[in-house]
Amino acid sequence: MEEDLNRIIFVPVIHTDNESVENARKTVRQIRPDVVAVELDHQRYEELMSPEHDVEPKQPLDSVQGLMQQLALLERSLGNIHGSAIGSEMLAAIEEGREIGAKIALIDRPISATIQAMTKVPLDEIYKLTSMITSTSSDIEDESFDILGFLKEEGSIDEIIDEFEREFPSLFDVLIHQRDVYVAEALYFILGDVEGKIVAILGAGHIEGVVSILKEKLTN
C-alpha cells in the first residue's frame, strides 16, 4: 500500500497563486512522471482553453447557479489582483507534462454532477455562503490584507476547511468530500494502469481527504 501511494507526488496549490503555477511546472519537469493528473474535468478544461469565456450571467440564475457564479467571480478577482489567471497552475502542469511525453489525466468530478448534487443542499447554506462570498469579493482589493500570505501560513488551509465543514456541512460534502472521493478513485485507477510515478496537482484543501481515502482503498 505504502509503495503504491509513494508513486503519487501530490502538489498542493492555491488557485490564482503565481508560486503555485511555478511549483506545478517545476515538479512535473523534475519528476518526469508517467502521468500528470490535474484537478479539472473536461468541461472546465475546455473553458480554460477558451480565454474569452465569460463568467458573467447571460440569464437569470437560480440559487445554485448564483453561488457558482459568485465563486467564479471571486476567483477572477483574486487572479486579477495577484496576476495569475484561474486554472493557470493546472494548465502549466498539463503543458509541462506534454513536453515530457506524460499522459494527462483530468481527474476532477464533472462540474455538472457537482451542480446537480448541490440542488439537494439546504437553501439556507446556499444563501449564507453566497452572501459571504459577495461580501468578501467587495473587500479583497484591500491591500492591507495579504490573502495569499495568510493561506500559505502553516495550518491555515486546514483551519479553513474545518471551519467550512462546521458552518456548511452539506456544502462541504458536495464541494469537498464527494470530489475527494471522485479524485481518489481516479488516482486509484491510474495506479493500477501505470507502473511509474504520477504527479497530482490538487487544491491544497483536497490533499488530506484524497490521501486518506486512497489509503483506505489501498488497504482493502
Protein backbone atom coordinates (compact mmCIF):
# COMPACT_ATOMS: atom_id res chain seq x y z
CA MET A 1 0.00 0.00 0.00
CA GLU A 2 2.67 2.50 1.05
CA GLU A 3 4.75 1.70 -2.03
CA ASP A 4 1.77 2.40 -4.31
CA LEU A 5 0.91 5.65 -2.55
CA ASN A 6 4.53 6.78 -2.74
CA ARG A 7 4.27 6.66 -6.53
CA ILE A 8 1.97 9.69 -6.34
CA ILE A 9 3.64 13.06 -5.82
CA PHE A 10 0.95 15.43 -4.58
CA VAL A 11 1.41 19.10 -5.40
CA PRO A 12 -0.86 21.28 -3.25
CA VAL A 13 -1.73 24.53 -4.99
CA ILE A 14 -3.52 27.73 -4.13
CA HIS A 15 -5.61 28.87 -7.08
CA THR A 16 -4.57 32.22 -8.61
CA ASP A 17 -1.14 32.00 -6.93
CA ASN A 18 1.91 32.52 -9.16
CA GLU A 19 4.12 30.43 -6.88
CA SER A 20 1.71 27.52 -7.27
CA VAL A 21 1.96 27.82 -11.05
CA GLU A 22 5.75 27.63 -10.94
CA ASN A 23 5.75 24.83 -8.38
CA ALA A 24 3.40 22.75 -10.52
CA ARG A 25 5.55 23.27 -13.59
CA LYS A 26 8.83 22.63 -11.76
CA THR A 27 7.59 19.43 -10.11
CA VAL A 28 6.47 17.91 -13.40
CA ARG A 29 9.78 18.87 -15.02
CA GLN A 30 11.86 17.36 -12.20
CA ILE A 31 9.85 14.17 -11.57
CA ARG A 32 9.12 13.40 -15.24
CA PRO A 33 6.13 11.23 -14.29
CA ASP A 34 4.24 8.79 -16.45
CA VAL A 35 1.01 10.68 -15.69
CA VAL A 36 0.17 14.27 -14.82
CA ALA A 37 -3.19 14.30 -13.07
CA VAL A 38 -4.92 17.64 -12.58
CA GLU A 39 -7.96 18.84 -10.67
CA LEU A 40 -10.02 19.58 -13.75
CA ASP A 41 -12.89 17.94 -15.55
CA HIS A 42 -13.38 18.08 -19.32
CA GLN A 43 -15.83 20.98 -19.25
CA ARG A 44 -13.61 23.08 -17.00
CA TYR A 45 -10.60 22.29 -19.18
CA GLU A 46 -12.42 23.41 -22.32
CA GLU A 47 -13.44 26.65 -20.60
CA LEU A 48 -9.86 27.37 -19.57
CA MET A 49 -8.68 26.72 -23.12
CA SER A 50 -11.10 29.41 -24.34
CA PRO A 51 -9.56 32.65 -22.99
CA GLU A 52 -12.64 34.69 -23.82
CA HIS A 53 -15.04 32.58 -21.77
CA ASP A 54 -17.22 34.87 -19.67
CA VAL A 55 -18.36 34.24 -16.11
CA GLU A 56 -20.98 36.97 -16.27
CA PRO A 57 -24.55 35.61 -16.26
CA LYS A 58 -26.38 35.57 -19.56
CA GLN A 59 -29.77 34.81 -17.97
CA PRO A 60 -31.36 34.84 -14.52
CA LEU A 61 -29.67 32.36 -12.18
CA ASP A 62 -31.17 30.03 -9.61
CA SER A 63 -29.65 29.78 -6.13
CA VAL A 64 -27.07 27.11 -7.02
CA GLN A 65 -26.03 28.82 -10.24
CA GLY A 66 -25.79 32.09 -8.33
CA LEU A 67 -23.40 30.57 -5.81
CA MET A 68 -21.22 29.06 -8.52
CA GLN A 69 -21.25 32.43 -10.29
CA GLN A 70 -20.04 34.19 -7.15
CA LEU A 71 -17.28 31.62 -6.64
CA ALA A 72 -16.10 32.16 -10.22
CA LEU A 73 -16.16 35.94 -9.84
CA LEU A 74 -14.22 35.71 -6.58
CA GLU A 75 -11.53 33.59 -8.26
CA ARG A 76 -11.35 36.04 -11.16
CA SER A 77 -10.95 38.98 -8.77
CA LEU A 78 -8.16 37.22 -6.90
CA GLY A 79 -6.48 36.36 -10.18
CA ASN A 80 -6.63 39.98 -11.31
CA ILE A 81 -5.01 41.11 -8.06
CA HIS A 82 -2.27 38.50 -7.90
CA GLY A 83 -1.53 38.20 -11.61
CA SER A 84 -2.37 34.53 -12.06
CA ALA A 85 -5.39 33.60 -14.15
CA ILE A 86 -7.86 30.99 -12.94
CA GLY A 87 -6.52 27.49 -13.59
CA SER A 88 -3.04 28.64 -14.61
CA GLU A 89 -1.38 26.07 -12.35
CA MET A 90 -3.35 23.25 -13.95
CA LEU A 91 -2.60 24.41 -17.49
CA ALA A 92 1.10 24.85 -16.62
CA ALA A 93 1.28 21.26 -15.37
CA ILE A 94 -0.50 20.00 -18.48
CA GLU A 95 1.83 21.94 -20.77
CA GLU A 96 4.91 20.66 -18.98
CA GLY A 97 3.53 17.12 -18.98
CA ARG A 98 3.03 17.20 -22.72
CA GLU A 99 6.57 18.50 -23.17
CA ILE A 100 7.97 15.38 -21.47
CA GLY A 101 5.52 12.98 -23.12
CA ALA A 102 3.48 12.20 -20.00
CA LYS A 103 -0.14 11.11 -20.10
CA ILE A 104 -2.60 13.79 -18.98
CA ALA A 105 -5.49 12.83 -16.70
CA LEU A 106 -8.39 15.15 -15.86
CA ILE A 107 -9.47 13.73 -12.51
CA ASP A 108 -11.98 16.16 -11.02
CA ARG A 109 -15.64 15.26 -10.75
CA PRO A 110 -17.68 16.62 -13.69
CA ILE A 111 -18.98 20.07 -12.78
CA SER A 112 -22.43 19.07 -13.96
CA ALA A 113 -22.54 16.30 -11.34
CA THR A 114 -21.38 18.68 -8.62
CA ILE A 115 -24.04 21.24 -9.55
CA GLN A 116 -26.69 18.51 -9.59
CA ALA A 117 -25.63 17.40 -6.11
CA MET A 118 -25.81 21.00 -4.90
CA THR A 119 -29.51 21.13 -5.71
CA LYS A 120 -30.02 18.89 -2.67
CA VAL A 121 -28.14 21.22 -0.32
CA PRO A 122 -30.36 23.17 2.13
CA LEU A 123 -31.08 26.62 0.76
CA ASP A 124 -30.02 28.34 3.97
CA GLU A 125 -26.46 27.10 3.38
CA ILE A 126 -26.54 28.24 -0.24
CA TYR A 127 -27.79 31.72 0.64
CA LYS A 128 -25.42 32.10 3.60
CA LEU A 129 -22.31 31.21 1.60
CA THR A 130 -23.40 33.32 -1.38
CA SER A 131 -23.79 36.31 0.93
CA MET A 132 -20.38 35.71 2.50
CA ILE A 133 -18.67 35.45 -0.89
CA THR A 134 -20.39 38.60 -2.15
CA SER A 135 -19.15 40.47 0.90
CA THR A 136 -15.64 39.03 0.57
CA SER A 137 -15.45 39.95 -3.11
CA SER A 138 -16.05 43.60 -2.25
CA ASP A 139 -13.25 43.56 0.33
CA ILE A 140 -10.42 41.66 -1.36
CA GLU A 141 -8.99 44.73 -3.07
CA ASP A 142 -7.98 45.98 0.38
CA GLU A 143 -4.21 45.69 0.01
CA SER A 144 -3.73 45.78 3.78
CA PHE A 145 -4.77 42.12 3.90
CA ASP A 146 -2.42 39.68 2.18
CA ILE A 147 -4.85 36.83 1.49
CA LEU A 148 -2.28 34.63 -0.24
CA GLY A 149 0.18 35.20 2.58
CA PHE A 150 -2.49 34.12 5.03
CA LEU A 151 -3.35 30.98 3.04
CA LYS A 152 0.33 30.00 2.94
CA GLU A 153 0.68 30.14 6.72
CA GLU A 154 1.14 26.68 8.21
CA GLY A 155 -2.19 25.15 9.18
CA SER A 156 -4.34 27.93 7.72
CA ILE A 157 -5.84 25.77 4.95
CA ASP A 158 -6.73 23.02 7.43
CA GLU A 159 -8.38 25.59 9.72
CA ILE A 160 -10.42 27.00 6.85
CA ILE A 161 -11.55 23.54 5.73
CA ASP A 162 -12.51 22.56 9.29
CA GLU A 163 -14.49 25.77 9.74
CA PHE A 164 -16.17 25.31 6.39
CA GLU A 165 -17.27 21.81 7.39
CA ARG A 166 -18.71 23.12 10.67
CA GLU A 167 -20.53 26.06 9.10
CA PHE A 168 -21.66 24.43 5.85
CA PRO A 169 -21.79 20.64 6.36
CA SER A 170 -23.89 19.90 3.28
CA LEU A 171 -21.85 22.15 1.00
CA PHE A 172 -18.67 20.65 2.44
CA ASP A 173 -19.91 17.20 1.50
CA VAL A 174 -20.65 18.24 -2.10
CA LEU A 175 -17.79 20.64 -2.81
CA ILE A 176 -15.04 18.90 -0.84
CA HIS A 177 -15.75 15.34 0.30
CA GLN A 178 -17.60 13.99 -2.75
CA ARG A 179 -14.95 15.44 -5.02
CA ASP A 180 -12.20 13.98 -2.81
CA VAL A 181 -13.79 10.56 -3.24
CA TYR A 182 -14.00 11.02 -7.02
CA VAL A 183 -10.37 12.16 -7.29
CA ALA A 184 -9.14 9.34 -5.03
CA GLU A 185 -10.95 6.76 -7.14
CA ALA A 186 -9.46 8.24 -10.32
CA LEU A 187 -5.95 8.09 -8.85
CA TYR A 188 -6.56 4.55 -7.62
CA PHE A 189 -7.47 3.53 -11.17
CA ILE A 190 -4.37 5.26 -12.57
CA LEU A 191 -2.15 3.46 -10.04
CA GLY A 192 -3.39 0.18 -11.46
CA ASP A 193 -2.88 1.36 -15.03
CA VAL A 194 0.73 2.60 -14.90
CA GLU A 195 3.87 1.43 -13.12
CA GLY A 196 5.67 4.76 -12.91
CA LYS A 197 5.13 7.95 -10.98
CA ILE A 198 2.09 10.20 -11.00
CA VAL A 199 2.14 13.92 -10.29
CA ALA A 200 -1.22 15.07 -8.94
CA ILE A 201 -1.95 18.80 -8.95
CA LEU A 202 -4.72 19.47 -6.42
CA GLY A 203 -6.08 22.40 -4.48
CA ALA A 204 -4.42 22.39 -1.06
CA GLY A 205 -7.76 21.82 0.66
CA HIS A 206 -8.24 18.47 -1.10
CA ILE A 207 -4.91 16.78 -0.37
CA GLU A 208 -5.65 15.43 3.12
CA GLY A 209 -9.04 14.00 2.16
CA VAL A 210 -7.80 12.40 -1.05
CA VAL A 211 -4.80 10.78 0.66
CA SER A 212 -6.99 9.43 3.46
CA ILE A 213 -9.48 7.88 1.02
CA LEU A 214 -6.67 6.43 -1.11
CA LYS A 215 -5.04 4.81 1.91
CA GLU A 216 -8.33 3.16 2.80
CA LYS A 217 -8.85 1.88 -0.75
CA LEU A 218 -5.31 0.53 -0.97
CA THR A 219 -5.64 -1.44 2.27
CA ASN A 220 -8.97 -3.09 1.36
